[in-house]
Amino acid sequence: MNMDSLKWDDAGLIAAVVQDADTLQVLTVAYMNREALKRTLAVGETIFWSRSRQELWHKGETSGNVQKVREIRIDCDADAILLLVEPAGPACHTGETSCFYRLLNEVIEIG
């Protein structure tokens, strides 16, 4: 399968789930456009599209917490990708290993 087979959304983006290749912990969910995916493939580290800043960002470029890509998988509908990575540090800007460190019941009352 190649990039042309992927189902990009109306903004030209695809959801990118990032998972630690060794622990299988989900680290973050980000978005890529074609250029971000091309650059990720070229350099072997994650590069995403920032929807808020409207620009490419190389994960870890300033923090040093790069994510070395080991494998990229495509889901069955070809509308999301999974990047198995070797992280060089925390994935989250808060310093947490994963962006998914909070439980929903800590954020809102359930029931």
PDB file of N, CA and C in Angstrom:
ATOM      1  N   MET A   1       0.851  -1.178   0.000  1.00  0.00           N
ATOM      2  CA  MET A   1       0.000   0.000   0.000  1.00  0.00           C
ATOM      3  C   MET A   1       0.896   1.241   0.000  1.00  0.00           C
ATOM      4  N   ASN A   2       0.463   2.297  -0.669  1.00  0.00           N
ATOM      5  CA  ASN A   2       1.261   3.513  -0.721  1.00  0.00           C
ATOM      6  C   ASN A   2       0.435   4.715  -0.272  1.00  0.00           C
ATOM      7  N   MET A   3       1.062   5.888  -0.255  1.00  0.00           N
ATOM      8  CA  MET A   3       0.404   7.107   0.232  1.00  0.00           C
ATOM      9  C   MET A   3      -0.853   7.453  -0.548  1.00  0.00           C
ATOM     10  N   ASP A   4      -0.863   7.153  -1.827  1.00  0.00           N
ATOM     11  CA  ASP A   4      -2.030   7.467  -2.646  1.00  0.00           C
ATOM     12  C   ASP A   4      -3.237   6.611  -2.267  1.00  0.00           C
ATOM     13  N   SER A   5      -2.991   5.489  -1.601  1.00  0.00           N
ATOM     14  CA  SER A   5      -4.078   4.606  -1.180  1.00  0.00           C
ATOM     15  C   SER A   5      -4.714   5.044   0.135  1.00  0.00           C
ATOM     16  N   LEU A   6      -4.049   5.959   0.847  1.00  0.00           N
ATOM     17  CA  LEU A   6      -4.570   6.416   2.127  1.00  0.00           C
ATOM     18  C   LEU A   6      -5.769   7.334   1.916  1.00  0.00           C
ATOM     19  N   LYS A   7      -6.671   7.344   2.886  1.00  0.00           N
ATOM     20  CA  LYS A   7      -7.860   8.197   2.835  1.00  0.00           C
ATOM     21  C   LYS A   7      -7.614   9.433   3.695  1.00  0.00           C
ATOM     22  N   TRP A   8      -7.173  10.490   3.050  1.00  0.00           N
ATOM     23  CA  TRP A   8      -6.890  11.756   3.709  1.00  0.00           C
ATOM     24  C   TRP A   8      -8.217  12.464   3.941  1.00  0.00           C
ATOM     25  N   ASP A   9      -8.360  13.197   5.053  1.00  0.00           N
ATOM     26  CA  ASP A   9      -9.607  13.913   5.307  1.00  0.00           C
ATOM     27  C   ASP A   9      -9.702  15.149   4.413  1.00  0.00           C
ATOM     28  N   ASP A  10     -10.766  15.920   4.576  1.00  0.00           N
ATOM     29  CA  ASP A  10     -10.991  17.095   3.723  1.00  0.00           C
ATOM     30  C   ASP A  10      -9.890  18.144   3.852  1.00  0.00           C
ATOM     31  N   ALA A  11      -9.183  18.132   4.986  1.00  0.00           N
ATOM     32  CA  ALA A  11      -8.076  19.074   5.196  1.00  0.00           C
ATOM     33  C   ALA A  11      -6.745  18.489   4.719  1.00  0.00           C
ATOM     34  N   GLY A  12      -6.778  17.275   4.148  1.00  0.00           N
ATOM     35  CA  GLY A  12      -5.550  16.639   3.679  1.00  0.00           C
ATOM     36  C   GLY A  12      -4.751  15.986   4.793  1.00  0.00           C
ATOM     37  N   LEU A  13      -5.429  15.619   5.889  1.00  0.00           N
ATOM     38  CA  LEU A  13      -4.758  15.037   7.052  1.00  0.00           C
ATOM     39  C   LEU A  13      -5.193  13.604   7.284  1.00  0.00           C
ATOM     40  N   ILE A  14      -4.369  12.883   8.030  1.00  0.00           N
ATOM     41  CA  ILE A  14      -4.696  11.540   8.481  1.00  0.00           C
ATOM     42  C   ILE A  14      -4.285  11.426   9.944  1.00  0.00           C
ATOM     43  N   ALA A  15      -5.113  10.739  10.743  1.00  0.00           N
ATOM     44  CA  ALA A  15      -4.797  10.525  12.160  1.00  0.00           C
ATOM     45  C   ALA A  15      -3.612   9.576  12.266  1.00  0.00           C
ATOM     46  N   ALA A  16      -2.690   9.915  13.167  1.00  0.00           N
ATOM     47  CA  ALA A  16      -1.484   9.119  13.374  1.00  0.00           C
ATOM     48  C   ALA A  16      -1.390   8.734  14.852  1.00  0.00           C
ATOM     49  N   VAL A  17      -1.635   7.476  15.135  1.00  0.00           N
ATOM     50  CA  VAL A  17      -1.519   6.954  16.494  1.00  0.00           C
ATOM     51  C   VAL A  17      -0.063   6.537  16.688  1.00  0.00           C
ATOM     52  N   VAL A  18       0.540   7.011  17.774  1.00  0.00           N
ATOM     53  CA  VAL A  18       1.950   6.713  18.027  1.00  0.00           C
ATOM     54  C   VAL A  18       2.034   5.790  19.241  1.00  0.00           C
ATOM     55  N   GLN A  19       2.697   4.661  19.049  1.00  0.00           N
ATOM     56  CA  GLN A  19       2.775   3.624  20.071  1.00  0.00           C
ATOM     57  C   GLN A  19       4.232   3.225  20.284  1.00  0.00           C
ATOM     58  N   ASP A  20       4.603   3.022  21.546  1.00  0.00           N
ATOM     59  CA  ASP A  20       5.950   2.548  21.865  1.00  0.00           C
ATOM     60  C   ASP A  20       6.102   1.129  21.308  1.00  0.00           C
ATOM     61  N   ALA A  21       7.098   0.912  20.485  1.00  0.00           N
ATOM     62  CA  ALA A  21       7.293  -0.380  19.832  1.00  0.00           C
ATOM     63  C   ALA A  21       7.612  -1.498  20.813  1.00  0.00           C
ATOM     64  N   ASP A  22       8.202  -1.176  21.960  1.00  0.00           N
ATOM     65  CA  ASP A  22       8.567  -2.203  22.934  1.00  0.00           C
ATOM     66  C   ASP A  22       7.464  -2.478  23.948  1.00  0.00           C
ATOM     67  N   THR A  23       6.894  -1.421  24.528  1.00  0.00           N
ATOM     68  CA  THR A  23       5.889  -1.601  25.586  1.00  0.00           C
ATOM     69  C   THR A  23       4.470  -1.655  25.037  1.00  0.00           C
ATOM     70  N   LEU A  24       4.281  -1.191  23.815  1.00  0.00           N
ATOM     71  CA  LEU A  24       2.975  -1.076  23.145  1.00  0.00           C
ATOM     72  C   LEU A  24       2.060  -0.038  23.790  1.00  0.00           C
ATOM     73  N   GLN A  25       2.612   0.800  24.661  1.00  0.00           N
ATOM     74  CA  GLN A  25       1.844   1.891  25.249  1.00  0.00           C
ATOM     75  C   GLN A  25       1.550   2.933  24.175  1.00  0.00           C
ATOM     76  N   VAL A  26       0.288   3.382  24.115  1.00  0.00           N
ATOM     77  CA  VAL A  26      -0.053   4.456  23.192  1.00  0.00           C
ATOM     78  C   VAL A  26       0.524   5.742  23.760  1.00  0.00           C
ATOM     79  N   LEU A  27       1.319   6.434  22.964  1.00  0.00           N
ATOM     80  CA  LEU A  27       2.005   7.635  23.432  1.00  0.00           C
ATOM     81  C   LEU A  27       1.235   8.904  23.103  1.00  0.00           C
ATOM     82  N   THR A  28       0.693   8.986  21.903  1.00  0.00           N
ATOM     83  CA  THR A  28      -0.038  10.187  21.500  1.00  0.00           C
ATOM     84  C   THR A  28      -0.831   9.896  20.239  1.00  0.00           C
ATOM     85  N   VAL A  29      -1.714  10.807  19.912  1.00  0.00           N
ATOM     86  CA  VAL A  29      -2.400  10.821  18.622  1.00  0.00           C
ATOM     87  C   VAL A  29      -2.151  12.194  18.025  1.00  0.00           C
ATOM     88  N   ALA A  30      -1.662  12.213  16.821  1.00  0.00           N
ATOM     89  CA  ALA A  30      -1.368  13.468  16.136  1.00  0.00           C
ATOM     90  C   ALA A  30      -1.908  13.353  14.718  1.00  0.00           C
ATOM     91  N   TYR A  31      -1.565  14.318  13.893  1.00  0.00           N
ATOM     92  CA  TYR A  31      -2.029  14.306  12.501  1.00  0.00           C
ATOM     93  C   TYR A  31      -0.860  14.511  11.565  1.00  0.00           C
ATOM     94  N   MET A  32      -0.976  13.925  10.395  1.00  0.00           N
ATOM     95  CA  MET A  32       0.038  14.084   9.364  1.00  0.00           C
ATOM     96  C   MET A  32      -0.646  14.505   8.073  1.00  0.00           C
ATOM     97  N   ASN A  33       0.057  15.332   7.302  1.00  0.00           N
ATOM     98  CA  ASN A  33      -0.334  15.552   5.925  1.00  0.00           C
ATOM     99  C   ASN A  33       0.662  14.773   5.074  1.00  0.00           C
ATOM    100  N   ARG A  34       0.539  14.852   3.759  1.00  0.00           N
ATOM    101  CA  ARG A  34       1.438  14.088   2.893  1.00  0.00           C
ATOM    102  C   ARG A  34       2.908  14.457   3.119  1.00  0.00           C
ATOM    103  N   GLU A  35       3.170  15.736   3.289  1.00  0.00           N
ATOM    104  CA  GLU A  35       4.554  16.177   3.483  1.00  0.00           C
ATOM    105  C   GLU A  35       5.122  15.638   4.798  1.00  0.00           C
ATOM    106  N   ALA A  36       4.323  15.652   5.852  1.00  0.00           N
ATOM    107  CA  ALA A  36       4.778  15.125   7.140  1.00  0.00           C
ATOM    108  C   ALA A  36       5.108  13.643   7.027  1.00  0.00           C
ATOM    109  N   LEU A  37       4.259  12.897   6.338  1.00  0.00           N
ATOM    110  CA  LEU A  37       4.517  11.469   6.176  1.00  0.00           C
ATOM    111  C   LEU A  37       5.752  11.231   5.310  1.00  0.00           C
ATOM    112  N   LYS A  38       5.900  11.997   4.236  1.00  0.00           N
ATOM    113  CA  LYS A  38       7.089  11.867   3.389  1.00  0.00           C
ATOM    114  C   LYS A  38       8.358  12.145   4.181  1.00  0.00           C
ATOM    115  N   ARG A  39       8.345  13.210   4.968  1.00  0.00           N
ATOM    116  CA  ARG A  39       9.540  13.551   5.764  1.00  0.00           C
ATOM    117  C   ARG A  39       9.807  12.519   6.848  1.00  0.00           C
ATOM    118  N   THR A  40       8.733  12.000   7.457  1.00  0.00           N
ATOM    119  CA  THR A  40       8.890  10.937   8.464  1.00  0.00           C
ATOM    120  C   THR A  40       9.588   9.738   7.836  1.00  0.00           C
ATOM    121  N   LEU A  41       9.145   9.351   6.655  1.00  0.00           N
ATOM    122  CA  LEU A  41       9.765   8.218   5.961  1.00  0.00           C
ATOM    123  C   LEU A  41      11.218   8.521   5.598  1.00  0.00           C
ATOM    124  N   ALA A  42      11.501   9.756   5.246  1.00  0.00           N
ATOM    125  CA  ALA A  42      12.859  10.139   4.828  1.00  0.00           C
ATOM    126  C   ALA A  42      13.845  10.176   5.988  1.00  0.00           C
ATOM    127  N   VAL A  43      13.414  10.726   7.144  1.00  0.00           N
ATOM    128  CA  VAL A  43      14.353  10.888   8.262  1.00  0.00           C
ATOM    129  C   VAL A  43      14.255   9.783   9.308  1.00  0.00           C
ATOM    130  N   GLY A  44      13.161   9.003   9.279  1.00  0.00           N
ATOM    131  CA  GLY A  44      13.016   7.905  10.232  1.00  0.00           C
ATOM    132  C   GLY A  44      12.609   8.340  11.627  1.00  0.00           C
ATOM    133  N   GLU A  45      12.126   9.568  11.757  1.00  0.00           N
ATOM    134  CA  GLU A  45      11.607  10.087  13.030  1.00  0.00           C
ATOM    135  C   GLU A  45      10.265  10.748  12.749  1.00  0.00           C
ATOM    136  N   THR A  46       9.424  10.832  13.783  1.00  0.00           N
ATOM    137  CA  THR A  46       8.083  11.361  13.562  1.00  0.00           C
ATOM    138  C   THR A  46       8.087  12.861  13.288  1.00  0.00           C
ATOM    139  N   ILE A  47       7.356  13.215  12.256  1.00  0.00           N
ATOM    140  CA  ILE A  47       7.114  14.605  11.891  1.00  0.00           C
ATOM    141  C   ILE A  47       5.620  14.722  11.652  1.00  0.00           C
ATOM    142  N   PHE A  48       4.991  15.686  12.288  1.00  0.00           N
ATOM    143  CA  PHE A  48       3.538  15.829  12.238  1.00  0.00           C
ATOM    144  C   PHE A  48       3.134  17.177  11.649  1.00  0.00           C
ATOM    145  N   TRP A  49       1.844  17.327  11.437  1.00  0.00           N
ATOM    146  CA  TRP A  49       1.262  18.605  11.032  1.00  0.00           C
ATOM    147  C   TRP A  49       0.545  19.178  12.236  1.00  0.00           C
ATOM    148  N   SER A  50       0.929  20.360  12.662  1.00  0.00           N
ATOM    149  CA  SER A  50       0.272  21.041  13.778  1.00  0.00           C
ATOM    150  C   SER A  50      -0.971  21.753  13.260  1.00  0.00           C
ATOM    151  N   ARG A  51      -2.130  21.302  13.692  1.00  0.00           N
ATOM    152  CA  ARG A  51      -3.376  21.931  13.259  1.00  0.00           C
ATOM    153  C   ARG A  51      -3.522  23.320  13.855  1.00  0.00           C
ATOM    154  N   SER A  52      -2.990  23.538  15.051  1.00  0.00           N
ATOM    155  CA  SER A  52      -3.118  24.858  15.675  1.00  0.00           C
ATOM    156  C   SER A  52      -2.153  25.878  15.072  1.00  0.00           C
ATOM    157  N   ARG A  53      -0.930  25.447  14.778  1.00  0.00           N
ATOM    158  CA  ARG A  53       0.074  26.373  14.224  1.00  0.00           C
ATOM    159  C   ARG A  53       0.117  26.366  12.695  1.00  0.00           C
ATOM    160  N   GLN A  54      -0.558  25.367  12.102  1.00  0.00           N
ATOM    161  CA  GLN A  54      -0.569  25.231  10.642  1.00  0.00           C
ATOM    162  C   GLN A  54       0.835  25.122  10.066  1.00  0.00           C
ATOM    163  N   GLU A  55       1.625  24.232  10.694  1.00  0.00           N
ATOM    164  CA  GLU A  55       2.981  23.999  10.203  1.00  0.00           C
ATOM    165  C   GLU A  55       3.459  22.614  10.605  1.00  0.00           C
ATOM    166  N   LEU A  56       4.478  22.139   9.925  1.00  0.00           N
ATOM    167  CA  LEU A  56       5.097  20.858  10.270  1.00  0.00           C
ATOM    168  C   LEU A  56       5.861  21.001  11.574  1.00  0.00           C
ATOM    169  N   TRP A  57       5.876  19.946  12.376  1.00  0.00           N
ATOM    170  CA  TRP A  57       6.738  19.934  13.564  1.00  0.00           C
ATOM    171  C   TRP A  57       7.368  18.557  13.726  1.00  0.00           C
ATOM    172  N   HIS A  58       8.671  18.600  13.942  1.00  0.00           N
ATOM    173  CA  HIS A  58       9.478  17.398  14.139  1.00  0.00           C
ATOM    174  C   HIS A  58       9.466  17.099  15.634  1.00  0.00           C
ATOM    175  N   LYS A  59       8.821  16.015  16.027  1.00  0.00           N
ATOM    176  CA  LYS A  59       8.717  15.673  17.443  1.00  0.00           C
ATOM    177  C   LYS A  59      10.113  15.548  18.045  1.00  0.00           C
ATOM    178  N   GLY A  60      10.355  16.321  19.108  1.00  0.00           N
ATOM    179  CA  GLY A  60      11.631  16.261  19.815  1.00  0.00           C
ATOM    180  C   GLY A  60      12.698  17.195  19.275  1.00  0.00           C
ATOM    181  N   GLU A  61      12.366  17.976  18.260  1.00  0.00           N
ATOM    182  CA  GLU A  61      13.358  18.873  17.663  1.00  0.00           C
ATOM    183  C   GLU A  61      13.946  19.836  18.695  1.00  0.00           C
ATOM    184  N   THR A  62      13.114  20.346  19.610  1.00  0.00           N
ATOM    185  CA  THR A  62      13.634  21.259  20.632  1.00  0.00           C
ATOM    186  C   THR A  62      13.886  20.552  21.959  1.00  0.00           C
ATOM    187  N   SER A  63      13.075  19.529  22.289  1.00  0.00           N
ATOM    188  CA  SER A  63      13.215  18.851  23.581  1.00  0.00           C
ATOM    189  C   SER A  63      14.234  17.723  23.570  1.00  0.00           C
ATOM    190  N   GLY A  64      14.521  17.191  22.382  1.00  0.00           N
ATOM    191  CA  GLY A  64      15.389  16.019  22.294  1.00  0.00           C
ATOM    192  C   GLY A  64      14.624  14.713  22.403  1.00  0.00           C
ATOM    193  N   ASN A  65      13.318  14.786  22.654  1.00  0.00           N
ATOM    194  CA  ASN A  65      12.490  13.595  22.831  1.00  0.00           C
ATOM    195  C   ASN A  65      11.963  13.090  21.492  1.00  0.00           C
ATOM    196  N   VAL A  66      12.901  12.773  20.596  1.00  0.00           N
ATOM    197  CA  VAL A  66      12.515  12.299  19.274  1.00  0.00           C
ATOM    198  C   VAL A  66      11.912  10.901  19.358  1.00  0.00           C
ATOM    199  N   GLN A  67      11.218  10.530  18.305  1.00  0.00           N
ATOM    200  CA  GLN A  67      10.615   9.203  18.214  1.00  0.00           C
ATOM    201  C   GLN A  67      11.130   8.540  16.942  1.00  0.00           C
ATOM    202  N   LYS A  68      12.002   7.549  17.116  1.00  0.00           N
ATOM    203  CA  LYS A  68      12.562   6.824  15.971  1.00  0.00           C
ATOM    204  C   LYS A  68      11.517   5.820  15.484  1.00  0.00           C
ATOM    205  N   VAL A  69      11.172   5.916  14.232  1.00  0.00           N
ATOM    206  CA  VAL A  69      10.131   5.061  13.663  1.00  0.00           C
ATOM    207  C   VAL A  69      10.695   3.687  13.322  1.00  0.00           C
ATOM    208  N   ARG A  70      10.049   2.673  13.868  1.00  0.00           N
ATOM    209  CA  ARG A  70      10.429   1.295  13.552  1.00  0.00           C
ATOM    210  C   ARG A  70       9.514   0.701  12.488  1.00  0.00           C
ATOM    211  N   GLU A  71       8.242   1.087  12.526  1.00  0.00           N
ATOM    212  CA  GLU A  71       7.279   0.488  11.607  1.00  0.00           C
ATOM    213  C   GLU A  71       6.074   1.403  11.480  1.00  0.00           C
ATOM    214  N   ILE A  72       5.470   1.415  10.303  1.00  0.00           N
ATOM    215  CA  ILE A  72       4.227   2.165  10.097  1.00  0.00           C
ATOM    216  C   ILE A  72       3.198   1.195   9.555  1.00  0.00           C
ATOM    217  N   ARG A  73       2.033   1.173  10.201  1.00  0.00           N
ATOM    218  CA  ARG A  73       0.934   0.302   9.785  1.00  0.00           C
ATOM    219  C   ARG A  73      -0.263   1.155   9.391  1.00  0.00           C
ATOM    220  N   ILE A  74      -1.088   0.603   8.540  1.00  0.00           N
ATOM    221  CA  ILE A  74      -2.290   1.289   8.062  1.00  0.00           C
ATOM    222  C   ILE A  74      -3.497   0.497   8.547  1.00  0.00           C
ATOM    223  N   ASP A  75      -4.518   1.202   9.040  1.00  0.00           N
ATOM    224  CA  ASP A  75      -5.702   0.483   9.505  1.00  0.00           C
ATOM    225  C   ASP A  75      -6.519  -0.049   8.324  1.00  0.00           C
ATOM    226  N   CYS A  76      -7.518  -0.870   8.630  1.00  0.00           N
ATOM    227  CA  CYS A  76      -8.292  -1.575   7.603  1.00  0.00           C
ATOM    228  C   CYS A  76      -9.035  -0.636   6.658  1.00  0.00           C
ATOM    229  N   ASP A  77      -9.406   0.546   7.114  1.00  0.00           N
ATOM    230  CA  ASP A  77     -10.107   1.509   6.271  1.00  0.00           C
ATOM    231  C   ASP A  77      -9.154   2.469   5.577  1.00  0.00           C
ATOM    232  N   ALA A  78      -7.886   2.388   5.886  1.00  0.00           N
ATOM    233  CA  ALA A  78      -6.840   3.253   5.322  1.00  0.00           C
ATOM    234  C   ALA A  78      -7.050   4.719   5.660  1.00  0.00           C
ATOM    235  N   ASP A  79      -7.744   4.988   6.798  1.00  0.00           N
ATOM    236  CA  ASP A  79      -7.969   6.379   7.196  1.00  0.00           C
ATOM    237  C   ASP A  79      -7.262   6.755   8.491  1.00  0.00           C
ATOM    238  N   ALA A  80      -6.359   5.884   8.942  1.00  0.00           N
ATOM    239  CA  ALA A  80      -5.528   6.162  10.116  1.00  0.00           C
ATOM    240  C   ALA A  80      -4.258   5.323   9.990  1.00  0.00           C
ATOM    241  N   ILE A  81      -3.185   5.840  10.583  1.00  0.00           N
ATOM    242  CA  ILE A  81      -1.941   5.080  10.583  1.00  0.00           C
ATOM    243  C   ILE A  81      -1.456   4.890  12.018  1.00  0.00           C
ATOM    244  N   LEU A  82      -0.692   3.844  12.205  1.00  0.00           N
ATOM    245  CA  LEU A  82      -0.096   3.520  13.492  1.00  0.00           C
ATOM    246  C   LEU A  82       1.411   3.542  13.310  1.00  0.00           C
ATOM    247  N   LEU A  83       2.080   4.351  14.118  1.00  0.00           N
ATOM    248  CA  LEU A  83       3.534   4.419  14.064  1.00  0.00           C
ATOM    249  C   LEU A  83       4.092   3.742  15.306  1.00  0.00           C
ATOM    250  N   LEU A  84       4.842   2.678  15.113  1.00  0.00           N
ATOM    251  CA  LEU A  84       5.534   2.015  16.219  1.00  0.00           C
ATOM    252  C   LEU A  84       6.901   2.663  16.312  1.00  0.00           C
ATOM    253  N   VAL A  85       7.181   3.249  17.478  1.00  0.00           N
ATOM    254  CA  VAL A  85       8.384   4.064  17.617  1.00  0.00           C
ATOM    255  C   VAL A  85       9.234   3.648  18.806  1.00  0.00           C
ATOM    256  N   GLU A  86      10.456   4.103  18.760  1.00  0.00           N
ATOM    257  CA  GLU A  86      11.383   4.000  19.883  1.00  0.00           C
ATOM    258  C   GLU A  86      11.550   5.424  20.412  1.00  0.00           C
ATOM    259  N   PRO A  87      10.879   5.749  21.528  1.00  0.00           N
ATOM    260  CA  PRO A  87      10.949   7.122  22.037  1.00  0.00           C
ATOM    261  C   PRO A  87      12.250   7.389  22.786  1.00  0.00           C
ATOM    262  N   ALA A  88      12.769   8.604  22.619  1.00  0.00           N
ATOM    263  CA  ALA A  88      13.993   9.008  23.316  1.00  0.00           C
ATOM    264  C   ALA A  88      13.669   9.766  24.596  1.00  0.00           C
ATOM    265  N   GLY A  89      12.397   9.826  24.954  1.00  0.00           N
ATOM    266  CA  GLY A  89      11.954  10.531  26.145  1.00  0.00           C
ATOM    267  C   GLY A  89      10.449  10.614  26.146  1.00  0.00           C
ATOM    268  N   PRO A  90       9.893  11.407  27.054  1.00  0.00           N
ATOM    269  CA  PRO A  90       8.436  11.522  27.146  1.00  0.00           C
ATOM    270  C   PRO A  90       7.817  11.997  25.837  1.00  0.00           C
ATOM    271  N   ALA A  91       6.624  11.495  25.556  1.00  0.00           N
ATOM    272  CA  ALA A  91       5.899  11.921  24.358  1.00  0.00           C
ATOM    273  C   ALA A  91       5.098  13.191  24.619  1.00  0.00           C
ATOM    274  N   CYS A  92       4.652  13.364  25.848  1.00  0.00           N
ATOM    275  CA  CYS A  92       3.756  14.472  26.173  1.00  0.00           C
ATOM    276  C   CYS A  92       4.525  15.740  26.542  1.00  0.00           C
ATOM    277  N   HIS A  93       3.981  16.877  26.132  1.00  0.00           N
ATOM    278  CA  HIS A  93       4.609  18.164  26.453  1.00  0.00           C
ATOM    279  C   HIS A  93       4.586  18.465  27.952  1.00  0.00           C
ATOM    280  N   THR A  94       3.767  17.699  28.717  1.00  0.00           N
ATOM    281  CA  THR A  94       3.709  17.884  30.172  1.00  0.00           C
ATOM    282  C   THR A  94       4.855  17.171  30.883  1.00  0.00           C
ATOM    283  N   GLY A  95       5.582  16.342  30.136  1.00  0.00           N
ATOM    284  CA  GLY A  95       6.655  15.543  30.742  1.00  0.00           C
ATOM    285  C   GLY A  95       6.231  14.119  31.036  1.00  0.00           C
ATOM    286  N   GLU A  96       4.955  13.817  30.842  1.00  0.00           N
ATOM    287  CA  GLU A  96       4.463  12.450  31.049  1.00  0.00           C
ATOM    288  C   GLU A  96       4.929  11.576  29.882  1.00  0.00           C
ATOM    289  N   THR A  97       5.122  10.304  30.161  1.00  0.00           N
ATOM    290  CA  THR A  97       5.544   9.353  29.132  1.00  0.00           C
ATOM    291  C   THR A  97       4.568   9.323  27.972  1.00  0.00           C
ATOM    292  N   SER A  98       3.281   9.298  28.306  1.00  0.00           N
ATOM    293  CA  SER A  98       2.209   9.243  27.314  1.00  0.00           C
ATOM    294  C   SER A  98       1.281  10.432  27.501  1.00  0.00           C
ATOM    295  N   CYS A  99       0.673  10.876  26.434  1.00  0.00           N
ATOM    296  CA  CYS A  99      -0.341  11.933  26.546  1.00  0.00           C
ATOM    297  C   CYS A  99      -1.611  11.402  27.210  1.00  0.00           C
ATOM    298  N   PHE A 100      -1.742  10.086  27.312  1.00  0.00           N
ATOM    299  CA  PHE A 100      -2.927   9.455  27.896  1.00  0.00           C
ATOM    300  C   PHE A 100      -2.672   9.032  29.340  1.00  0.00           C
ATOM    301  N   TYR A 101      -2.378  10.013  30.193  1.00  0.00           N
ATOM    302  CA  TYR A 101      -2.053   9.715  31.586  1.00  0.00           C
ATOM    303  C   TYR A 101      -3.208  10.023  32.542  1.00  0.00           C
ATOM    304  N   ARG A 102      -4.280  10.623  32.033  1.00  0.00           N
ATOM    305  CA  ARG A 102      -5.417  10.970  32.893  1.00  0.00           C
ATOM    306  C   ARG A 102      -6.585  10.031  32.638  1.00  0.00           C
ATOM    307  N   LEU A 103      -7.272   9.661  33.720  1.00  0.00           N
ATOM    308  CA  LEU A 103      -8.485   8.856  33.606  1.00  0.00           C
ATOM    309  C   LEU A 103      -9.676   9.787  33.421  1.00  0.00           C
ATOM    310  N   LEU A 104     -10.634   9.388  32.662  1.00  0.00           N
ATOM    311  CA  LEU A 104     -11.797  10.216  32.399  1.00  0.00           C
ATOM    312  C   LEU A 104     -12.525  10.582  33.688  1.00  0.00           C
ATOM    313  N   ASN A 105     -12.611   9.656  34.649  1.00  0.00           N
ATOM    314  CA  ASN A 105     -13.322   9.949  35.888  1.00  0.00           C
ATOM    315  C   ASN A 105     -12.565  10.960  36.758  1.00  0.00           C
ATOM    316  N   GLU A 106     -11.322  11.288  36.416  1.00  0.00           N
ATOM    317  CA  GLU A 106     -10.601  12.357  37.109  1.00  0.00           C
ATOM    318  C   GLU A 106     -10.940  13.720  36.511  1.00  0.00           C
ATOM    319  N   VAL A 107     -11.502  13.705  35.330  1.00  0.00           N
ATOM    320  CA  VAL A 107     -11.796  14.943  34.620  1.00  0.00           C
ATOM    321  C   VAL A 107     -13.254  15.334  34.783  1.00  0.00           C
ATOM    322  N   ILE A 108     -14.177  14.375  34.709  1.00  0.00           N
ATOM    323  CA  ILE A 108     -15.598  14.649  34.881  1.00  0.00           C
ATOM    324  C   ILE A 108     -16.222  13.576  35.767  1.00  0.00           C
ATOM    325  N   GLU A 109     -17.334  13.905  36.372  1.00  0.00           N
ATOM    326  CA  GLU A 109     -18.059  12.906  37.158  1.00  0.00           C
ATOM    327  C   GLU A 109     -18.832  12.014  36.228  1.00  0.00           C
ATOM    328  N   ILE A 110     -18.765  10.717  36.473  1.00  0.00           N
ATOM    329  CA  ILE A 110     -19.502   9.751  35.663  1.00  0.00           C
ATOM    330  C   ILE A 110     -20.705   9.274  36.460  1.00  0.00           C
ATOM    331  N   GLY A 111     -21.822   9.226  35.822  1.00  0.00           N
ATOM    332  CA  GLY A 111     -22.990   8.648  36.467  1.00  0.00           C
ATOM    333  C   GLY A 111     -24.015   9.639  36.740  1.00  0.00           C
TER     334      GLY A 111
END
